[in-house]
């Protein structure tokens, strides 16, 4: 019986290690936050980002108002992110930010956001 418990504990530890290793690249995941021109005027954001062979793909605000990123780059030396896309209404969106707490599960990206003629800042936290 004791030997079975030892094998079970080793199996659980092995599966836990594989689960942690599957997290992948630091930019991959679901990000949520907001952007806006002031502290009181904020618009919620949800983004799905994925690192694919030195390229970032992503979707902004999944659902009926979603749009895909047309351009997304990462300067991994400085952890700077650049993203561009066009909303369903035709507004061009440009976001430039810095990824912080890269080693943490709840890392963040903060920076500037421009949507059409409106400019502001944004902050995203990875779920």
Foldseek 3Di string as FASTA:
>chain_A
DVVVVVVVVVVVVVVVVVVVVPPDALVAAKKWWWKAADPVDIDIKIKGWDDDPQAIWIWIPPDPFIWIWPHWHAPVVQQKIWTWTATPVGWIKIWIWHWPPSVDQFIKTKGKMDTHNGITIIMMTGD
